[in-house]
Amino acid sequence: MEPQFTVMVRLAAELTIKAPRTRIAFLRRLRRNIGDAMRSAGIDYRIEPIWGRIFVRADSHLALPVLARVFGISSISYVEREIPAELDTIVTEATSHFREAVTGKTFAVRARRTGKHTYRSLDIERQLGAALLPYSAGVNLSKPGFTAYVEVRDETAYLFSERIPGAGGLPLGVEGNAVSLLSGGFDSAVSSWLLLKRGVALDYVFCNLGGDAYERAVVQVGKAIADEWSYGTRPRLNVIDFAPVLEELREKTRPSYWQVVLKRLMYRTACMVADERSAEAIVTGEAMGQVSSQTLANLRAIEAVSTLPVLRPLIGFDKEEIIDRAKAIGTAALSEQVREYCAITPGQPVTAATIMRVDHEEAKMDPAVLERVVAARKVLDLRALLPADLAAPYLFIEDVPDNAVIIDTRPKSQYRTWHLKGALHMEEWELLRDFRRLDRKPVYVLYCSHGIQTAYLAERMQRQGFEAYSFRGGARGVMKYAQERGLNLSLLR
């Protein structure tokens, strides 16, 4: 492979302060996860670790948005030039490289240096700044219109013009395994993501209260998390038909306690699956006081049945914060349409249950019912699922018709890295919210990272009378399509 793109990867701050042995283990895991991310995106790559940095040499600039979703990475930069680390060479070559970019703009130079040299970082900033000044609208160190970055590491200087934020956190897998209760809504998706960010590998348990349509929606949410954020692991979704459990619950317990007992049974289910997977905790999307089962008293009564620690990363979040985070991680458009099936109490639910009282209600049920549904569960390898497994074939298209309106629904940072020329930008949640305002006459072609979320959006649009399709293969399919036809991709910085 002859790499065309070099990406400088900066480690998350926590990795740099670990003890040497721990740091080495974490970096080994991070490199493994980066490799899995590149292979998953179909990118040929080479990893070159250097103290404090990892350089990924890849055959596609798709490496940028993929690397930005690997936990344990603080930020990334596309390396535009690599030059010898002599000061005169840096000033001359960097002036030539950045001159056009600073023309008519205010600018700043940011330099960083590691190794033994006869000059300082400040010398680079002053001399390069003086050389670029005649072409610019002046220096502005607080809010520059353009920033020229120079990083010197031993004998090489790297030039770049952007620092793209990474996912942060710890490399996925370094903190063991847990099982997350996934309902498909905003809360369970975001809580799962937050644990992934802290290095915990997850499997998922879905207690299905709503039939096949509900299952498909939840699988789509799980698939999005698995494909976009779970590099280095193979998360499994345990789909459990909870209809028999719900029937037993309604027949034998008091309605005011249905909500609390149901959550207990879900905890028990998660613990049973966790035991089989040697997981060390269960994860829930509960937030204090959000619904009746999430009062402090009820949480205590529910948690009493868990044989494992219960992790609630959203416990202090407001709903608005949770939704905003869901938009950022790419699950909001899918979660928005997942109906609420857990609210089963017809009247006034208990809000201050005691452990003893809930024990009494749950004891009325036959525990064999839960054992049977767990034993009969369906287990899905989320990353192995194909888009065709999740949506009907009529939702997909492999060509762009003349005069079609193309909409790129990926996050703005990915759109700015590259997009199909002429494509509009509307993030998934924006398009879901606003598509009814669009003109119904054109054909719409949508694309996202993998083609899963836009298949769902295309289906929604078709139901409203739009001729809308998801481009098969998502961003990777779009890039292949453009390359085969000699179409230009718009690259922005």
Protein backbone atom coordinates (compact mmCIF):
# COMPACT_ATOMS: atom_id res chain seq x y z
CA MET A 1 0.00 0.00 0.00
CA GLU A 2 1.17 3.51 -0.85
CA PRO A 3 -0.53 5.74 1.77
CA GLN A 4 -2.07 8.92 0.41
CA PHE A 5 -3.14 10.42 3.72
CA THR A 6 -1.33 10.75 7.02
CA VAL A 7 -3.35 11.43 10.16
CA MET A 8 -1.72 12.58 13.38
CA VAL A 9 -3.55 11.06 16.36
CA ARG A 10 -3.24 12.67 19.78
CA LEU A 11 -3.89 10.55 22.82
CA ALA A 12 -6.64 11.37 25.29
CA ALA A 13 -5.17 13.16 28.31
CA GLU A 14 -5.89 10.32 30.73
CA LEU A 15 -3.69 7.93 28.78
CA THR A 16 -0.67 10.18 29.14
CA ILE A 17 -0.76 10.17 32.96
CA LYS A 18 -1.14 6.42 33.47
CA ALA A 19 1.65 4.38 35.05
CA PRO A 20 4.05 3.00 32.40
CA ARG A 21 2.71 -0.56 32.46
CA THR A 22 -0.92 0.59 32.29
CA ARG A 23 -0.11 3.09 29.57
CA ILE A 24 1.53 0.40 27.44
CA ALA A 25 -1.50 -1.88 27.84
CA PHE A 26 -3.93 0.94 27.00
CA LEU A 27 -1.92 1.96 23.92
CA ARG A 28 -1.81 -1.62 22.72
CA ARG A 29 -5.60 -1.76 22.98
CA LEU A 30 -5.97 1.61 21.28
CA ARG A 31 -3.84 0.50 18.32
CA ARG A 32 -5.93 -2.66 18.06
CA ASN A 33 -9.15 -0.63 18.05
CA ILE A 34 -7.77 1.77 15.44
CA GLY A 35 -6.93 -1.20 13.25
CA ASP A 36 -10.44 -2.57 13.60
CA ALA A 37 -11.89 0.85 12.75
CA MET A 38 -9.81 1.08 9.58
CA ARG A 39 -10.65 -2.44 8.46
CA SER A 40 -14.34 -1.89 9.17
CA ALA A 41 -14.29 1.13 6.87
CA GLY A 42 -12.41 -0.78 4.16
CA ILE A 43 -9.34 1.42 4.50
CA ASP A 44 -5.80 0.17 3.90
CA TYR A 45 -3.60 1.56 6.63
CA ARG A 46 -0.33 1.49 8.51
CA ILE A 47 0.07 2.51 12.15
CA GLU A 48 3.27 4.19 13.33
CA PRO A 49 3.30 4.81 17.09
CA ILE A 50 5.61 7.56 18.34
CA TRP A 51 5.83 8.65 21.96
CA GLY A 52 2.77 10.81 22.66
CA ARG A 53 1.38 10.41 19.13
CA ILE A 54 0.14 7.76 16.74
CA PHE A 55 0.47 8.31 13.01
CA VAL A 56 -2.03 6.51 10.80
CA ARG A 57 -1.05 6.33 7.15
CA ALA A 58 -4.15 5.46 5.12
CA ASP A 59 -5.28 5.21 1.52
CA SER A 60 -8.42 7.31 2.09
CA HIS A 61 -9.34 10.51 3.89
CA LEU A 62 -12.33 8.58 5.25
CA ALA A 63 -9.82 7.70 7.96
CA LEU A 64 -10.48 11.14 9.50
CA PRO A 65 -14.16 10.72 10.51
CA VAL A 66 -13.57 7.09 11.45
CA LEU A 67 -10.66 7.90 13.76
CA ALA A 68 -12.69 10.68 15.37
CA ARG A 69 -15.02 7.96 16.70
CA VAL A 70 -12.34 5.79 18.30
CA PHE A 71 -12.35 6.18 22.07
CA GLY A 72 -9.02 7.11 23.65
CA ILE A 73 -8.22 9.78 21.06
CA SER A 74 -8.16 13.44 22.03
CA SER A 75 -7.94 14.96 18.55
CA ILE A 76 -6.69 14.25 15.05
CA SER A 77 -5.19 16.27 12.23
CA TYR A 78 -4.69 15.58 8.55
CA VAL A 79 -0.97 16.08 7.93
CA GLU A 80 -0.71 18.24 4.82
CA ARG A 81 3.10 18.27 4.52
CA GLU A 82 6.05 16.51 6.13
CA ILE A 83 9.37 18.36 5.89
CA PRO A 84 12.84 18.26 7.49
CA ALA A 85 12.95 19.82 10.94
CA GLU A 86 15.53 22.56 10.18
CA LEU A 87 14.19 25.98 11.14
CA ASP A 88 14.99 27.67 7.80
CA THR A 89 13.34 24.83 5.90
CA ILE A 90 10.26 24.98 8.11
CA VAL A 91 9.83 28.72 7.55
CA THR A 92 10.38 28.51 3.79
CA GLU A 93 8.24 25.45 3.13
CA ALA A 94 5.46 26.43 5.55
CA THR A 95 5.27 29.92 4.05
CA SER A 96 4.80 28.43 0.61
CA HIS A 97 2.25 25.95 1.92
CA PHE A 98 0.11 28.33 4.02
CA ARG A 99 0.45 31.50 1.95
CA GLU A 100 -2.75 31.03 -0.04
CA ALA A 101 -4.74 30.01 3.04
CA VAL A 102 -3.87 33.20 4.97
CA THR A 103 -4.48 35.58 2.06
CA GLY A 104 -7.03 38.18 3.11
CA LYS A 105 -7.49 36.63 6.56
CA THR A 106 -6.24 37.19 10.05
CA PHE A 107 -4.08 34.33 11.20
CA ALA A 108 -2.05 32.76 13.98
CA VAL A 109 0.84 30.29 14.00
CA ARG A 110 0.83 27.52 16.62
CA ALA A 111 4.01 25.51 16.95
CA ARG A 112 4.91 22.55 19.13
CA ARG A 113 8.29 20.86 19.36
CA THR A 114 9.56 17.56 20.79
CA GLY A 115 13.19 16.48 20.63
CA LYS A 116 16.58 18.17 20.62
CA HIS A 117 16.82 21.23 18.37
CA THR A 118 18.73 24.50 18.26
CA TYR A 119 15.51 26.52 18.18
CA ARG A 120 12.34 26.89 20.25
CA SER A 121 8.67 26.59 19.36
CA LEU A 122 8.44 30.35 19.84
CA ASP A 123 11.11 30.84 17.17
CA ILE A 124 8.96 28.96 14.66
CA GLU A 125 5.91 31.02 15.52
CA ARG A 126 7.73 34.35 15.24
CA GLN A 127 9.65 33.66 12.05
CA LEU A 128 6.83 31.90 10.21
CA GLY A 129 4.37 34.55 11.39
CA ALA A 130 6.62 37.31 10.05
CA ALA A 131 6.94 35.50 6.72
CA LEU A 132 3.17 35.04 6.34
CA LEU A 133 2.22 38.52 7.54
CA PRO A 134 2.57 40.34 4.16
CA TYR A 135 0.01 37.97 2.58
CA SER A 136 -2.56 38.26 5.37
CA ALA A 137 -4.99 40.67 6.97
CA GLY A 138 -2.90 40.67 10.13
CA VAL A 139 -2.19 38.55 13.17
CA ASN A 140 -4.99 37.69 15.58
CA LEU A 141 -3.94 35.31 18.33
CA SER A 142 -7.31 35.14 20.09
CA LYS A 143 -9.73 34.57 17.17
CA PRO A 144 -7.73 34.00 14.00
CA GLY A 145 -9.45 33.49 10.69
CA PHE A 146 -6.89 30.78 9.94
CA THR A 147 -4.41 28.87 12.07
CA ALA A 148 -1.18 27.45 10.69
CA TYR A 149 -0.01 24.52 12.78
CA VAL A 150 3.55 23.20 12.90
CA GLU A 151 4.51 20.22 15.01
CA VAL A 152 8.14 19.17 15.16
CA ARG A 153 8.98 15.70 16.36
CA ASP A 154 12.67 14.88 16.26
CA GLU A 155 13.81 15.12 12.63
CA THR A 156 10.44 15.78 10.98
CA ALA A 157 8.11 18.76 10.96
CA TYR A 158 4.41 18.23 10.25
CA LEU A 159 2.21 20.97 8.78
CA PHE A 160 -1.55 20.99 9.24
CA SER A 161 -4.41 23.47 9.46
CA GLU A 162 -7.07 21.80 11.59
CA ARG A 163 -7.47 19.91 14.86
CA ILE A 164 -10.55 17.70 14.69
CA PRO A 165 -11.91 16.73 18.13
CA GLY A 166 -11.79 13.04 18.96
CA ALA A 167 -14.11 10.98 21.12
CA GLY A 168 -11.84 11.18 24.19
CA GLY A 169 -12.26 8.74 27.05
CA LEU A 170 -10.42 5.44 27.37
CA PRO A 171 -9.74 2.78 24.71
CA LEU A 172 -12.76 0.52 24.45
CA GLY A 173 -12.22 -2.75 26.29
CA VAL A 174 -9.65 -1.68 28.88
CA GLU A 175 -12.24 -1.52 31.68
CA GLY A 176 -13.86 -4.92 31.23
CA ASN A 177 -17.36 -5.92 30.12
CA ALA A 178 -20.90 -4.99 31.09
CA VAL A 179 -24.44 -5.58 29.87
CA SER A 180 -26.63 -2.60 28.96
CA LEU A 181 -30.43 -2.60 28.99
CA LEU A 182 -31.33 -1.13 25.60
CA SER A 183 -34.85 0.13 24.93
CA GLY A 184 -33.99 2.10 21.79
CA GLY A 185 -34.93 5.47 23.31
CA PHE A 186 -32.64 8.44 23.85
CA ASP A 187 -31.66 7.45 27.39
CA SER A 188 -30.46 3.88 26.94
CA ALA A 189 -28.48 4.74 23.80
CA VAL A 190 -26.70 7.67 25.44
CA SER A 191 -26.00 5.81 28.68
CA SER A 192 -24.47 2.98 26.65
CA TRP A 193 -22.29 5.44 24.73
CA LEU A 194 -21.04 7.01 27.96
CA LEU A 195 -19.90 3.63 29.27
CA LEU A 196 -18.23 2.82 25.96
CA LYS A 197 -16.37 6.10 26.29
CA ARG A 198 -15.03 4.98 29.64
CA GLY A 199 -13.54 1.85 28.11
CA VAL A 200 -16.30 -0.63 29.03
CA ALA A 201 -17.18 -3.14 26.31
CA LEU A 202 -20.93 -3.76 26.13
CA ASP A 203 -23.41 -6.42 25.16
CA TYR A 204 -27.07 -5.42 25.12
CA VAL A 205 -30.32 -6.81 26.48
CA PHE A 206 -33.59 -5.79 24.84
CA CYS A 207 -36.78 -6.80 26.65
CA ASN A 208 -39.33 -6.62 23.85
CA LEU A 209 -42.75 -5.40 24.91
CA GLY A 210 -43.95 -4.29 21.48
CA GLY A 211 -43.48 -6.97 18.82
CA ASP A 212 -41.50 -7.10 15.58
CA ALA A 213 -41.79 -3.40 14.67
CA TYR A 214 -40.35 -2.42 18.04
CA GLU A 215 -37.57 -4.96 17.66
CA ARG A 216 -36.55 -3.57 14.29
CA ALA A 217 -36.37 -0.04 15.68
CA VAL A 218 -34.21 -1.13 18.63
CA VAL A 219 -31.94 -3.22 16.41
CA GLN A 220 -31.35 -0.11 14.28
CA VAL A 221 -30.31 1.89 17.34
CA GLY A 222 -28.03 -0.92 18.54
CA LYS A 223 -26.56 -1.29 15.07
CA ALA A 224 -25.73 2.43 14.91
CA ILE A 225 -23.89 2.27 18.25
CA ALA A 226 -22.09 -0.93 17.27
CA ASP A 227 -20.97 0.27 13.84
CA GLU A 228 -20.05 3.83 14.74
CA TRP A 229 -18.62 3.53 18.24
CA SER A 230 -17.71 -0.05 19.15
CA TYR A 231 -14.44 -0.57 17.31
CA GLY A 232 -12.40 -3.41 18.76
CA THR A 233 -15.43 -5.33 20.07
CA ARG A 234 -18.30 -7.45 18.73
CA PRO A 235 -21.38 -6.36 20.68
CA ARG A 236 -24.33 -8.73 20.80
CA LEU A 237 -27.95 -7.80 21.22
CA ASN A 238 -29.98 -10.29 23.26
CA VAL A 239 -33.59 -9.97 22.09
CA ILE A 240 -36.00 -11.33 24.70
CA ASP A 241 -39.72 -11.68 24.13
CA PHE A 242 -41.15 -10.16 27.31
CA ALA A 243 -44.80 -10.67 26.36
CA PRO A 244 -45.18 -13.81 28.55
CA VAL A 245 -43.55 -11.98 31.46
CA LEU A 246 -45.86 -9.02 31.03
CA GLU A 247 -48.89 -11.29 30.91
CA GLU A 248 -47.82 -13.00 34.16
CA LEU A 249 -47.15 -9.63 35.76
CA ARG A 250 -50.55 -8.20 34.91
CA GLU A 251 -52.36 -11.32 36.00
CA LYS A 252 -50.79 -11.73 39.43
CA THR A 253 -49.58 -8.36 40.78
CA ARG A 254 -51.20 -5.10 41.78
CA PRO A 255 -51.38 -2.51 38.93
CA SER A 256 -49.77 0.25 40.99
CA TYR A 257 -46.65 -1.93 41.30
CA TRP A 258 -46.46 -3.07 37.68
CA GLN A 259 -43.90 -0.44 36.72
CA VAL A 260 -41.48 -1.19 39.54
CA VAL A 261 -41.80 -4.97 39.29
CA LEU A 262 -41.30 -4.80 35.51
CA LYS A 263 -38.03 -2.92 35.94
CA ARG A 264 -36.92 -5.47 38.55
CA LEU A 265 -37.55 -8.27 36.09
CA MET A 266 -35.51 -6.45 33.47
CA TYR A 267 -32.65 -6.13 35.97
CA ARG A 268 -32.88 -9.85 36.70
CA THR A 269 -32.81 -10.59 32.97
CA ALA A 270 -29.73 -8.42 32.45
CA CYS A 271 -27.96 -10.14 35.34
CA MET A 272 -28.75 -13.58 33.91
CA VAL A 273 -27.27 -12.64 30.54
CA ALA A 274 -24.33 -10.91 32.25
CA ASP A 275 -23.49 -14.07 34.17
CA GLU A 276 -23.29 -16.04 30.93
CA ARG A 277 -21.06 -13.37 29.37
CA SER A 278 -18.83 -12.94 32.46
CA ALA A 279 -19.84 -9.29 32.59
CA GLU A 280 -19.11 -7.28 35.71
CA ALA A 281 -21.99 -4.79 35.81
CA ILE A 282 -25.30 -3.83 34.22
CA VAL A 283 -25.96 -0.42 32.68
CA THR A 284 -29.27 1.46 32.58
CA GLY A 285 -30.47 4.77 31.16
CA GLU A 286 -32.25 5.89 34.31
CA ALA A 287 -32.18 9.57 35.30
CA MET A 288 -33.29 10.74 38.70
CA GLY A 289 -36.99 11.62 38.84
CA GLN A 290 -37.59 11.36 35.09
CA VAL A 291 -40.47 8.84 35.40
CA SER A 292 -42.28 7.16 38.26
CA SER A 293 -39.94 4.16 38.46
CA GLN A 294 -36.94 6.47 38.77
CA THR A 295 -37.63 8.08 42.13
CA LEU A 296 -34.91 7.47 44.69
CA ALA A 297 -37.09 5.11 46.71
CA ASN A 298 -38.13 3.11 43.64
CA LEU A 299 -34.58 2.86 42.32
CA ARG A 300 -33.52 1.41 45.66
CA ALA A 301 -36.36 -1.13 45.57
CA ILE A 302 -35.52 -2.11 41.98
CA GLU A 303 -31.77 -2.35 42.45
CA ALA A 304 -32.15 -4.71 45.39
CA VAL A 305 -32.55 -7.70 43.03
CA SER A 306 -29.39 -7.05 41.04
CA THR A 307 -26.52 -9.43 41.66
CA LEU A 308 -24.12 -7.02 39.95
CA PRO A 309 -23.28 -3.32 40.30
CA VAL A 310 -25.81 -1.09 38.52
CA LEU A 311 -24.23 1.75 36.55
CA ARG A 312 -26.44 4.78 35.77
CA PRO A 313 -24.33 7.31 33.85
CA LEU A 314 -27.35 9.59 33.22
CA ILE A 315 -28.54 9.79 36.81
CA GLY A 316 -27.98 13.57 37.04
CA PHE A 317 -28.83 14.50 33.43
CA ASP A 318 -31.80 16.58 32.28
CA LYS A 319 -33.79 15.26 29.31
CA GLU A 320 -32.59 18.10 27.10
CA GLU A 321 -28.98 17.20 27.84
CA ILE A 322 -29.64 13.58 26.95
CA ILE A 323 -31.28 14.48 23.64
CA ASP A 324 -28.44 16.85 22.74
CA ARG A 325 -25.93 14.09 23.39
CA ALA A 326 -28.00 11.66 21.29
CA LYS A 327 -27.84 14.11 18.39
CA ALA A 328 -24.07 14.38 18.74
CA ILE A 329 -23.52 10.62 18.72
CA GLY A 330 -25.94 9.95 15.86
CA THR A 331 -28.77 8.02 17.52
CA ALA A 332 -31.33 10.81 17.95
CA ALA A 333 -33.10 10.38 14.60
CA LEU A 334 -33.63 6.69 15.31
CA SER A 335 -34.57 7.06 18.98
CA GLU A 336 -37.01 9.86 18.18
CA GLN A 337 -39.40 7.37 16.59
CA VAL A 338 -39.18 4.60 19.20
CA ARG A 339 -42.46 4.39 21.05
CA GLU A 340 -42.62 4.13 24.82
CA TYR A 341 -43.68 0.61 25.76
CA CYS A 342 -42.51 0.48 29.37
CA ALA A 343 -45.27 2.73 30.72
CA ILE A 344 -47.74 -0.07 31.48
CA THR A 345 -49.48 1.13 34.65
CA PRO A 346 -53.06 2.25 33.81
CA GLY A 347 -53.59 4.36 36.93
CA GLN A 348 -51.38 5.95 39.53
CA PRO A 349 -48.06 4.08 39.93
CA VAL A 350 -46.33 3.79 43.28
CA THR A 351 -43.53 6.33 43.65
CA ALA A 352 -42.17 5.41 47.10
CA ALA A 353 -41.96 1.63 47.05
CA THR A 354 -40.13 -0.32 49.70
CA ILE A 355 -37.96 -3.37 49.07
CA MET A 356 -40.19 -5.51 51.29
CA ARG A 357 -43.40 -4.45 49.52
CA VAL A 358 -42.00 -5.04 46.02
CA ASP A 359 -40.57 -8.39 47.16
CA HIS A 360 -44.07 -9.34 48.20
CA GLU A 361 -45.59 -8.37 44.85
CA GLU A 362 -42.90 -10.07 42.77
CA ALA A 363 -43.21 -13.27 44.81
CA LYS A 364 -46.71 -13.73 43.40
CA MET A 365 -45.20 -14.46 39.96
CA ASP A 366 -43.83 -17.74 38.65
CA PRO A 367 -40.03 -17.26 38.32
CA ALA A 368 -39.92 -19.98 35.67
CA VAL A 369 -41.52 -17.57 33.19
CA LEU A 370 -38.46 -15.35 33.23
CA GLU A 371 -36.12 -18.31 32.95
CA ARG A 372 -37.99 -19.58 29.89
CA VAL A 373 -37.92 -16.30 27.95
CA VAL A 374 -34.22 -15.79 28.68
CA ALA A 375 -33.43 -19.32 27.52
CA ALA A 376 -35.41 -18.73 24.31
CA ARG A 377 -33.78 -15.39 23.50
CA LYS A 378 -32.45 -14.44 20.08
CA VAL A 379 -28.83 -13.24 19.98
CA LEU A 380 -27.74 -10.88 17.18
CA ASP A 381 -24.18 -9.97 16.27
CA LEU A 382 -24.89 -6.29 15.64
CA ARG A 383 -21.82 -5.54 13.56
CA ALA A 384 -22.45 -8.55 11.34
CA LEU A 385 -25.93 -7.33 10.37
CA LEU A 386 -26.18 -5.83 6.91
CA PRO A 387 -28.39 -2.88 5.97
CA ALA A 388 -30.54 -5.31 4.01
CA ASP A 389 -31.22 -7.12 7.27
CA LEU A 390 -32.71 -3.95 8.73
CA ALA A 391 -34.71 -2.32 5.96
CA ALA A 392 -36.58 -3.28 2.81
CA PRO A 393 -34.57 -3.28 -0.45
CA TYR A 394 -36.80 -0.63 -2.06
CA LEU A 395 -35.29 1.96 0.25
CA PHE A 396 -31.86 1.78 -1.41
CA ILE A 397 -30.40 3.26 -4.58
CA GLU A 398 -27.00 2.81 -6.23
CA ASP A 399 -27.05 5.72 -8.67
CA VAL A 400 -27.92 9.41 -8.43
CA PRO A 401 -30.68 10.38 -10.90
CA ASP A 402 -30.35 13.60 -12.87
CA ASN A 403 -31.60 16.65 -10.97
CA ALA A 404 -31.85 14.67 -7.72
CA VAL A 405 -31.44 16.54 -4.46
CA ILE A 406 -28.56 14.97 -2.52
CA ILE A 407 -28.56 15.31 1.26
CA ASP A 408 -25.53 14.41 3.41
CA THR A 409 -26.85 13.62 6.91
CA ARG A 410 -23.52 12.94 8.64
CA PRO A 411 -22.28 15.24 11.45
CA LYS A 412 -21.01 18.60 10.23
CA SER A 413 -17.38 17.76 10.99
CA GLN A 414 -17.57 14.77 8.62
CA TYR A 415 -19.38 16.83 5.94
CA ARG A 416 -16.64 19.47 6.14
CA THR A 417 -13.99 16.79 5.62
CA TRP A 418 -15.58 15.70 2.33
CA HIS A 419 -18.95 15.38 0.61
CA LEU A 420 -20.39 14.62 -2.79
CA LYS A 421 -20.28 17.82 -4.82
CA GLY A 422 -23.58 19.66 -4.63
CA ALA A 423 -24.82 17.74 -1.59
CA LEU A 424 -26.80 19.71 0.97
CA HIS A 425 -26.08 19.20 4.66
CA MET A 426 -28.83 18.32 7.11
CA GLU A 427 -28.04 16.16 10.10
CA GLU A 428 -30.29 13.17 10.60
CA TRP A 429 -32.32 14.73 13.39
CA GLU A 430 -32.73 17.97 11.41
CA LEU A 431 -33.98 16.14 8.33
CA LEU A 432 -36.35 14.05 10.43
CA ARG A 433 -37.74 17.22 11.97
CA ASP A 434 -37.98 19.32 8.80
CA PHE A 435 -38.43 17.04 5.78
CA ARG A 436 -42.17 17.79 5.51
CA ARG A 437 -41.25 21.37 4.56
CA LEU A 438 -39.23 20.23 1.54
CA ASP A 439 -40.48 20.41 -2.04
CA ARG A 440 -42.18 17.11 -2.90
CA LYS A 441 -41.30 17.22 -6.61
CA PRO A 442 -37.59 16.24 -6.71
CA VAL A 443 -36.06 12.84 -6.11
CA TYR A 444 -34.06 12.83 -2.86
CA VAL A 445 -30.91 10.77 -2.36
CA LEU A 446 -29.71 10.59 1.24
CA TYR A 447 -26.46 9.26 2.62
CA CYS A 448 -25.00 8.76 6.10
CA SER A 449 -21.99 6.84 7.38
CA HIS A 450 -23.29 3.33 6.72
CA GLY A 451 -26.67 3.77 5.01
CA ILE A 452 -28.67 2.58 8.01
CA GLN A 453 -30.00 5.82 9.46
CA THR A 454 -30.84 7.24 6.02
CA ALA A 455 -32.75 4.08 5.11
CA TYR A 456 -34.99 4.83 8.05
CA LEU A 457 -35.29 8.48 7.01
CA ALA A 458 -36.07 7.50 3.41
CA GLU A 459 -38.81 5.20 4.64
CA ARG A 460 -40.36 8.01 6.67
CA MET A 461 -40.21 10.36 3.70
CA GLN A 462 -41.75 7.78 1.36
CA ARG A 463 -44.66 7.36 3.76
CA GLN A 464 -45.30 11.11 3.40
CA GLY A 465 -45.31 11.00 -0.40
CA PHE A 466 -41.68 11.86 -1.15
CA GLU A 467 -39.55 9.91 -3.63
CA ALA A 468 -36.58 9.39 -1.33
CA TYR A 469 -33.81 6.80 -1.24
CA SER A 470 -30.79 5.91 0.87
CA PHE A 471 -27.56 5.47 -1.06
CA ARG A 472 -26.50 1.84 -0.68
CA GLY A 473 -23.33 1.46 1.36
CA GLY A 474 -23.53 4.92 2.93
CA ALA A 475 -20.50 7.20 2.73
CA ARG A 476 -18.22 4.45 1.53
CA GLY A 477 -20.64 3.62 -1.29
CA VAL A 478 -20.87 7.28 -2.28
CA MET A 479 -17.10 7.61 -2.45
CA LYS A 480 -16.79 4.46 -4.59
CA TYR A 481 -19.58 5.73 -6.84
CA ALA A 482 -17.84 9.07 -7.30
CA GLN A 483 -14.44 7.49 -8.02
CA GLU A 484 -15.87 5.08 -10.61
CA ARG A 485 -17.54 7.95 -12.48
CA GLY A 486 -14.77 10.52 -12.09
CA LEU A 487 -16.96 12.83 -10.04
CA ASN A 488 -15.43 15.47 -7.82
CA LEU A 489 -15.68 15.36 -4.06
CA SER A 490 -15.80 18.70 -2.28
CA LEU A 491 -13.02 18.96 0.31
CA LEU A 492 -13.24 21.74 2.86
CA ARG A 493 -10.95 22.89 5.62
